[in-house]
Amino acid sequence: MLKALWLVPPIAARLATGEHPERGLLECPLASIRLRAAVAALEWKRQGNESLFCIPGAADDARAVDSSGASICFVTKFTFDAPLEAWLAACRSAQHGHCRLVIDITDYPFEKRPPIPEFYAEALKIGDAVVVNSERMAEMIAPHTPRRVAVIDDAILGEMGRPQFAPGERLELLWFGHPTNLDFLEARFEALAQFARQRRCRLTIVTEGGREAADWTNGIPARYGYAFETRFIPWSLAAQTAALRECDLVLIPSDAADPFKAGASANRIAEALNAGRFPVASPLQSYRQFADAAWLGEDLIAGIRWALANRDEVLARVSRGQALVREKFAAEGVGRRWGDLFEELLEPISKT
């Protein structure tokens, strides 16, 4: 039996408890933990190994960062409020102890607020494996590391739903994701208000952020002349699943020119399709693999109009998208790719 050490933010460590800590991570609101670290940890456990989940520098966490005896040290998302030196010390300790250091990156870190760039500038120099969530992110990270950058897609969790598109009198639109993406949604509100004066709409927003996000959502109708309704639902995996089941279309606006989002994974498009719902999305590079399964373009209102005028094609595209999700994003297959990566890293050790 081998041991892996997982460096995680506090929100993940709180979930990685009990008899099945790996499964606890599947409820994490951070997609980088839920769709990546959790799937990797479950595969590690399936192979008969053990894991220790730690928060570097957290005085209130009894689980000390002890890499002795560990074969793998997996570094999940480093956040701006994490203690820089503690995380770097944990990485260096693992490296000095001949532990294979895996750096997983899901957001481009070098234009973010300190100390995020400082952490990744150092960690990428000493990592044994650098893994990202999209081909575009690999291109962006490659200049910052001497290692070959591996791409492992975000896994898509949950059962696949039946393709459905039968809007009623009120068109049900859904946006879900991290609050940092809300600016891209807000930029479409004026156009949505104009459209909603012709076709009744309700926009459901599923995100974390507590009362602030709820107040922001509930105040939208007044700002846009009550042209469309809004509904706020606090994020949970169950809430996201239910909201996808209830919606007609999923809106995924972004900006391909934004360095924070240019390398984003395709997980939200894939999650919408997995639920049987049609995504209307901005044309990020990672989304283009779904060009025949979604509507991609800058004018999301044009995408909504296209979907309403092409209902049979919407269902056909969702079916095509689900085939791609099964082939490339299913949790079982993604888990195997993490397992292959771990085996490749540990092969030199097993031969000594």
Protein backbone atom coordinates (compact mmCIF):
# COMPACT_ATOMS: atom_id res chain seq x y z
CA MET A 1 0.00 0.00 0.00
CA LEU A 2 1.30 3.42 -0.99
CA LYS A 3 0.55 6.77 0.63
CA ALA A 4 -0.37 10.06 -1.01
CA LEU A 5 -0.37 13.49 0.59
CA TRP A 6 -2.95 15.96 -0.72
CA LEU A 7 -2.40 19.69 -0.08
CA VAL A 8 -5.86 21.24 -0.07
CA PRO A 9 -7.56 24.55 0.85
CA PRO A 10 -9.59 24.66 4.08
CA ILE A 11 -12.97 24.20 2.36
CA ALA A 12 -11.78 20.90 0.90
CA ALA A 13 -10.16 19.63 4.07
CA ARG A 14 -13.41 20.10 5.99
CA LEU A 15 -15.10 17.79 3.52
CA ALA A 16 -12.29 15.19 3.43
CA THR A 17 -13.22 13.61 6.74
CA GLY A 18 -14.94 10.52 8.02
CA GLU A 19 -14.73 6.99 6.76
CA HIS A 20 -14.71 8.01 3.07
CA PRO A 21 -12.84 11.35 2.82
CA GLU A 22 -12.35 11.02 -0.93
CA ARG A 23 -16.11 10.91 -1.48
CA GLY A 24 -16.53 13.95 0.73
CA LEU A 25 -14.53 15.95 -1.80
CA LEU A 26 -17.22 15.26 -4.42
CA GLU A 27 -19.38 17.84 -2.60
CA CYS A 28 -16.78 20.62 -2.77
CA PRO A 29 -17.98 23.87 -4.44
CA LEU A 30 -14.54 24.28 -6.04
CA ALA A 31 -14.67 22.48 -9.38
CA SER A 32 -10.90 21.97 -9.28
CA ILE A 33 -11.38 19.85 -6.15
CA ARG A 34 -14.69 18.16 -7.04
CA LEU A 35 -13.95 17.28 -10.66
CA ARG A 36 -10.20 16.67 -10.38
CA ALA A 37 -8.66 16.02 -6.95
CA ALA A 38 -11.64 13.95 -5.76
CA VAL A 39 -11.60 11.81 -8.90
CA ALA A 40 -7.82 11.36 -8.67
CA ALA A 41 -8.05 10.46 -4.96
CA LEU A 42 -10.82 7.94 -5.58
CA GLU A 43 -8.70 6.27 -8.25
CA TRP A 44 -5.72 6.22 -5.88
CA LYS A 45 -7.92 4.52 -3.27
CA ARG A 46 -9.33 2.08 -5.84
CA GLN A 47 -5.77 0.95 -6.48
CA GLY A 48 -5.51 0.00 -2.80
CA ASN A 49 -3.59 3.04 -1.55
CA GLU A 50 -4.16 5.49 1.31
CA SER A 51 -4.40 9.30 1.44
CA LEU A 52 -3.79 12.11 3.91
CA PHE A 53 -5.49 15.46 3.26
CA CYS A 54 -3.73 18.47 4.80
CA ILE A 55 -3.92 22.28 4.93
CA PRO A 56 -0.37 23.67 5.02
CA GLY A 57 0.01 26.27 7.75
CA ALA A 58 -3.41 25.73 9.34
CA ALA A 59 -2.89 25.89 13.10
CA ASP A 60 -6.44 24.69 13.76
CA ASP A 61 -6.04 21.51 11.70
CA ALA A 62 -4.70 18.52 13.57
CA ARG A 63 -3.57 16.77 10.41
CA ALA A 64 0.07 17.77 10.15
CA VAL A 65 1.77 18.00 6.78
CA ASP A 66 3.98 14.95 7.03
CA SER A 67 5.32 13.70 3.72
CA SER A 68 7.47 10.98 5.25
CA GLY A 69 6.59 7.67 3.70
CA ALA A 70 4.49 9.32 0.99
CA SER A 71 5.02 8.41 -2.64
CA ILE A 72 2.89 11.18 -4.15
CA CYS A 73 2.23 14.76 -3.04
CA PHE A 74 -0.72 16.23 -4.95
CA VAL A 75 -0.97 20.04 -4.87
CA THR A 76 -4.52 21.25 -5.44
CA LYS A 77 -5.58 24.87 -5.97
CA PHE A 78 -3.51 27.45 -4.10
CA THR A 79 -5.71 30.41 -3.17
CA PHE A 80 -4.81 34.03 -2.43
CA ASP A 81 -5.59 33.65 1.29
CA ALA A 82 -3.32 30.62 1.76
CA PRO A 83 0.02 31.02 3.61
CA LEU A 84 2.66 31.14 0.91
CA GLU A 85 5.65 29.92 2.89
CA ALA A 86 3.76 27.04 4.48
CA TRP A 87 2.61 25.72 1.11
CA LEU A 88 6.06 26.11 -0.44
CA ALA A 89 7.66 24.45 2.58
CA ALA A 90 5.28 21.49 2.21
CA CYS A 91 6.19 21.17 -1.48
CA ARG A 92 9.93 21.39 -0.78
CA SER A 93 9.69 18.90 2.06
CA ALA A 94 7.94 16.43 -0.23
CA GLN A 95 10.57 16.90 -2.91
CA HIS A 96 13.45 16.46 -0.47
CA GLY A 97 11.81 13.31 0.80
CA HIS A 98 11.82 11.85 -2.73
CA CYS A 99 8.04 12.17 -2.96
CA ARG A 100 6.69 12.77 -6.46
CA LEU A 101 5.24 16.28 -6.54
CA VAL A 102 2.13 16.75 -8.74
CA ILE A 103 1.08 20.36 -9.44
CA ASP A 104 -2.50 20.64 -10.71
CA ILE A 105 -3.50 23.96 -12.33
CA THR A 106 -6.98 24.98 -13.46
CA ASP A 107 -6.68 28.80 -13.62
CA TYR A 108 -3.85 30.80 -15.17
CA PRO A 109 -2.03 32.00 -12.04
CA PHE A 110 0.44 34.59 -13.29
CA GLU A 111 -1.92 37.55 -13.58
CA LYS A 112 -3.74 36.93 -10.31
CA ARG A 113 -3.36 38.74 -7.00
CA PRO A 114 -0.42 37.88 -4.73
CA PRO A 115 0.71 35.47 -3.47
CA ILE A 116 -0.70 33.20 -6.19
CA PRO A 117 1.92 34.05 -8.89
CA GLU A 118 4.73 33.73 -6.35
CA PHE A 119 3.60 30.28 -5.28
CA TYR A 120 3.31 28.85 -8.77
CA ALA A 121 6.56 30.45 -9.96
CA GLU A 122 8.40 28.40 -7.34
CA ALA A 123 6.26 25.26 -7.31
CA LEU A 124 6.49 24.80 -11.07
CA LYS A 125 10.28 24.71 -10.85
CA ILE A 126 10.31 21.69 -8.55
CA GLY A 127 7.21 19.73 -9.58
CA ASP A 128 7.69 16.24 -10.99
CA ALA A 129 4.43 16.48 -12.93
CA VAL A 130 2.43 19.50 -14.05
CA VAL A 131 -1.19 18.82 -14.97
CA VAL A 132 -3.77 21.22 -16.42
CA ASN A 133 -7.40 21.04 -17.52
CA SER A 134 -7.22 22.11 -21.18
CA GLU A 135 -4.89 22.23 -24.18
CA ARG A 136 -4.95 26.04 -24.12
CA MET A 137 -3.93 26.06 -20.45
CA ALA A 138 -1.06 23.73 -21.31
CA GLU A 139 0.17 26.24 -23.89
CA MET A 140 -0.05 29.05 -21.33
CA ILE A 141 1.74 27.15 -18.54
CA ALA A 142 4.49 25.55 -20.67
CA PRO A 143 6.84 28.60 -20.59
CA HIS A 144 6.82 28.53 -16.77
CA THR A 145 7.99 24.97 -16.16
CA PRO A 146 10.79 22.68 -17.35
CA ARG A 147 8.36 19.75 -17.32
CA ARG A 148 6.08 18.55 -20.07
CA VAL A 149 2.59 19.76 -19.22
CA ALA A 150 0.00 16.97 -19.14
CA VAL A 151 -3.68 17.57 -19.88
CA ILE A 152 -6.35 15.70 -17.92
CA ASP A 153 -9.92 16.88 -18.42
CA ASP A 154 -12.28 17.72 -15.59
CA ALA A 155 -14.47 14.70 -14.89
CA ILE A 156 -18.24 14.96 -15.25
CA LEU A 157 -20.14 13.48 -12.33
CA GLY A 158 -23.69 12.24 -12.06
CA GLU A 159 -26.04 10.27 -14.25
CA MET A 160 -26.64 11.33 -17.82
CA GLY A 161 -30.07 12.87 -18.37
CA ARG A 162 -32.40 12.50 -21.32
CA PRO A 163 -32.01 15.26 -23.95
CA GLN A 164 -34.90 17.66 -23.51
CA PHE A 165 -35.93 21.00 -25.00
CA ALA A 166 -39.61 21.89 -24.73
CA PRO A 167 -39.88 25.48 -23.44
CA GLY A 168 -43.18 26.55 -21.96
CA GLU A 169 -44.68 30.02 -21.85
CA ARG A 170 -41.77 31.15 -19.67
CA LEU A 171 -38.30 30.35 -21.02
CA GLU A 172 -36.16 28.95 -18.22
CA LEU A 173 -32.52 30.08 -18.47
CA LEU A 174 -29.81 28.83 -16.14
CA TRP A 175 -26.39 30.13 -15.20
CA PHE A 176 -24.23 28.18 -12.74
CA GLY A 177 -20.63 28.53 -11.70
CA HIS A 178 -18.15 30.36 -9.49
CA PRO A 179 -19.02 33.96 -8.53
CA THR A 180 -15.89 35.24 -10.31
CA ASN A 181 -17.67 34.48 -13.60
CA LEU A 182 -20.73 36.61 -12.87
CA ASP A 183 -19.27 39.69 -14.58
CA PHE A 184 -19.48 37.89 -17.91
CA LEU A 185 -23.14 37.19 -17.27
CA GLU A 186 -23.92 40.75 -16.21
CA ALA A 187 -22.45 42.05 -19.47
CA ARG A 188 -25.34 40.28 -21.28
CA PHE A 189 -28.17 41.63 -19.11
CA GLU A 190 -29.10 44.59 -21.31
CA ALA A 191 -29.43 42.37 -24.38
CA LEU A 192 -31.34 39.79 -22.33
CA ALA A 193 -33.75 42.49 -21.13
CA GLN A 194 -34.45 43.52 -24.71
CA PHE A 195 -35.10 39.91 -25.69
CA ALA A 196 -37.28 39.28 -22.63
CA ARG A 197 -39.64 42.08 -23.62
CA GLN A 198 -40.60 39.83 -26.54
CA ARG A 199 -40.39 36.44 -24.80
CA ARG A 200 -41.02 35.91 -21.09
CA CYS A 201 -37.88 34.65 -19.33
CA ARG A 202 -36.62 33.65 -15.94
CA LEU A 203 -32.90 33.52 -15.21
CA THR A 204 -31.84 31.17 -12.41
CA ILE A 205 -28.39 31.74 -10.91
CA VAL A 206 -26.77 28.92 -8.95
CA THR A 207 -23.59 29.93 -7.18
CA GLU A 208 -21.96 30.31 -3.81
CA GLY A 209 -21.47 33.72 -2.26
CA GLY A 210 -24.17 33.80 0.40
CA ARG A 211 -26.33 36.83 1.04
CA GLU A 212 -24.28 39.11 -1.21
CA ALA A 213 -24.87 36.91 -4.27
CA ALA A 214 -28.54 36.50 -3.37
CA ASP A 215 -29.09 40.26 -2.98
CA TRP A 216 -27.28 40.92 -6.26
CA THR A 217 -29.44 38.38 -8.09
CA ASN A 218 -32.70 39.55 -6.56
CA GLY A 219 -31.90 43.17 -7.46
CA ILE A 220 -31.39 42.50 -11.16
CA PRO A 221 -35.04 42.87 -12.32
CA ALA A 222 -35.35 46.38 -10.89
CA ARG A 223 -32.12 47.44 -12.61
CA TYR A 224 -33.44 46.31 -16.00
CA GLY A 225 -37.01 47.51 -15.84
CA TYR A 226 -38.40 44.18 -14.64
CA ALA A 227 -37.95 42.82 -18.15
CA PHE A 228 -37.12 39.37 -16.85
CA GLU A 229 -37.39 37.43 -13.61
CA THR A 230 -34.48 36.10 -11.59
CA ARG A 231 -34.05 33.37 -9.02
CA PHE A 232 -31.04 32.73 -6.77
CA ILE A 233 -30.18 29.23 -5.51
CA PRO A 234 -27.17 28.69 -3.20
CA TRP A 235 -24.75 26.24 -4.75
CA SER A 236 -24.68 22.62 -3.76
CA LEU A 237 -24.19 19.62 -5.99
CA ALA A 238 -27.84 18.64 -5.46
CA ALA A 239 -29.04 22.19 -6.20
CA GLN A 240 -27.02 22.36 -9.40
CA THR A 241 -28.35 18.98 -10.52
CA ALA A 242 -31.95 20.02 -9.84
CA ALA A 243 -31.54 23.38 -11.59
CA LEU A 244 -30.14 21.70 -14.69
CA ARG A 245 -33.10 19.35 -14.72
CA GLU A 246 -35.57 22.27 -14.54
CA CYS A 247 -34.05 24.60 -17.15
CA ASP A 248 -34.51 24.94 -20.90
CA LEU A 249 -31.13 26.45 -21.82
CA VAL A 250 -27.81 26.93 -20.03
CA LEU A 251 -26.00 30.26 -20.57
CA ILE A 252 -22.19 30.13 -20.33
CA PRO A 253 -20.79 33.58 -21.19
CA SER A 254 -17.06 34.26 -20.94
CA ASP A 255 -14.28 36.15 -22.74
CA ALA A 256 -11.67 34.29 -24.78
CA ALA A 257 -9.39 37.35 -24.60
CA ASP A 258 -9.36 37.32 -20.79
CA PRO A 259 -6.18 35.52 -19.62
CA PHE A 260 -8.02 34.29 -16.53
CA LYS A 261 -10.57 32.44 -18.70
CA ALA A 262 -8.74 31.70 -21.95
CA GLY A 263 -7.53 28.35 -20.65
CA ALA A 264 -10.74 27.38 -18.86
CA SER A 265 -11.88 23.80 -19.07
CA ALA A 266 -15.06 22.71 -20.81
CA ASN A 267 -16.64 21.37 -17.62
CA ARG A 268 -19.73 23.63 -17.62
CA ILE A 269 -20.63 22.82 -21.22
CA ALA A 270 -20.02 19.14 -20.54
CA GLU A 271 -22.12 19.25 -17.35
CA ALA A 272 -25.02 20.91 -19.18
CA LEU A 273 -24.94 18.31 -21.93
CA ASN A 274 -24.59 15.47 -19.44
CA ALA A 275 -27.85 16.71 -17.88
CA GLY A 276 -29.51 16.67 -21.31
CA ARG A 277 -29.64 20.47 -21.64
CA PHE A 278 -28.41 22.69 -24.46
CA PRO A 279 -25.56 25.13 -23.75
CA VAL A 280 -25.38 28.61 -25.31
CA ALA A 281 -21.78 29.66 -24.73
CA SER A 282 -18.94 31.98 -25.65
CA PRO A 283 -16.37 30.46 -28.02
CA LEU A 284 -13.51 29.62 -25.65
CA GLN A 285 -10.88 27.36 -27.17
CA SER A 286 -11.75 24.40 -24.95
CA TYR A 287 -15.43 24.77 -25.89
CA ARG A 288 -14.78 24.37 -29.61
CA GLN A 289 -14.69 20.58 -29.35
CA PHE A 290 -18.44 20.96 -28.69
CA ALA A 291 -19.10 23.08 -31.77
CA ASP A 292 -21.50 20.43 -33.12
CA ALA A 293 -23.15 19.95 -29.72
CA ALA A 294 -23.82 23.51 -28.50
CA TRP A 295 -24.27 27.05 -29.77
CA LEU A 296 -20.99 28.99 -29.63
CA GLY A 297 -20.73 32.73 -30.24
CA GLU A 298 -20.35 36.11 -28.59
CA ASP A 299 -24.03 37.09 -28.98
CA LEU A 300 -25.76 34.71 -26.57
CA ILE A 301 -29.17 36.18 -27.36
CA ALA A 302 -28.65 35.12 -30.98
CA GLY A 303 -27.92 31.67 -29.61
CA ILE A 304 -31.17 31.64 -27.65
CA ARG A 305 -33.12 32.70 -30.74
CA TRP A 306 -31.40 30.03 -32.82
CA ALA A 307 -32.30 27.34 -30.29
CA LEU A 308 -35.95 28.36 -30.22
CA ALA A 309 -36.08 28.25 -34.04
CA ASN A 310 -34.28 24.88 -34.32
CA ARG A 311 -35.73 22.63 -31.63
CA ASP A 312 -35.07 19.33 -33.38
CA GLU A 313 -31.46 20.28 -34.06
CA VAL A 314 -31.05 21.28 -30.40
CA LEU A 315 -31.97 17.74 -29.34
CA ALA A 316 -29.70 16.24 -31.98
CA ARG A 317 -26.80 18.39 -30.80
CA VAL A 318 -27.34 17.45 -27.17
CA SER A 319 -27.23 13.78 -28.16
CA ARG A 320 -23.96 14.34 -30.04
CA GLY A 321 -22.57 16.18 -27.04
CA GLN A 322 -23.47 13.36 -24.70
CA ALA A 323 -21.55 10.93 -26.88
CA LEU A 324 -18.46 13.13 -26.49
CA VAL A 325 -19.00 13.41 -22.73
CA ARG A 326 -19.16 9.62 -22.43
CA GLU A 327 -16.02 9.23 -24.51
CA LYS A 328 -13.81 11.91 -22.96
CA PHE A 329 -15.21 13.22 -19.67
CA ALA A 330 -16.75 10.24 -17.85
CA ALA A 331 -15.39 10.02 -14.30
CA GLU A 332 -14.25 6.43 -14.72
CA GLY A 333 -12.12 7.24 -17.76
CA VAL A 334 -10.70 10.42 -16.24
CA GLY A 335 -9.85 8.48 -13.09
CA ARG A 336 -7.91 5.98 -15.17
CA ARG A 337 -5.90 8.81 -16.71
CA TRP A 338 -4.96 10.01 -13.23
CA GLY A 339 -4.04 6.45 -12.34
CA ASP A 340 -1.84 6.17 -15.41
CA LEU A 341 -0.09 9.41 -14.45
CA PHE A 342 0.62 8.14 -10.93
CA GLU A 343 1.93 4.83 -12.27
CA GLU A 344 4.22 6.63 -14.70
CA LEU A 345 5.59 8.83 -11.91
CA LEU A 346 6.16 5.90 -9.56
CA GLU A 347 7.67 3.53 -12.11
CA PRO A 348 11.28 4.68 -11.48
CA ILE A 349 10.73 4.08 -7.74
CA SER A 350 9.32 0.58 -8.27
CA LYS A 351 12.38 -0.37 -10.32
CA THR A 352 14.89 0.67 -7.63
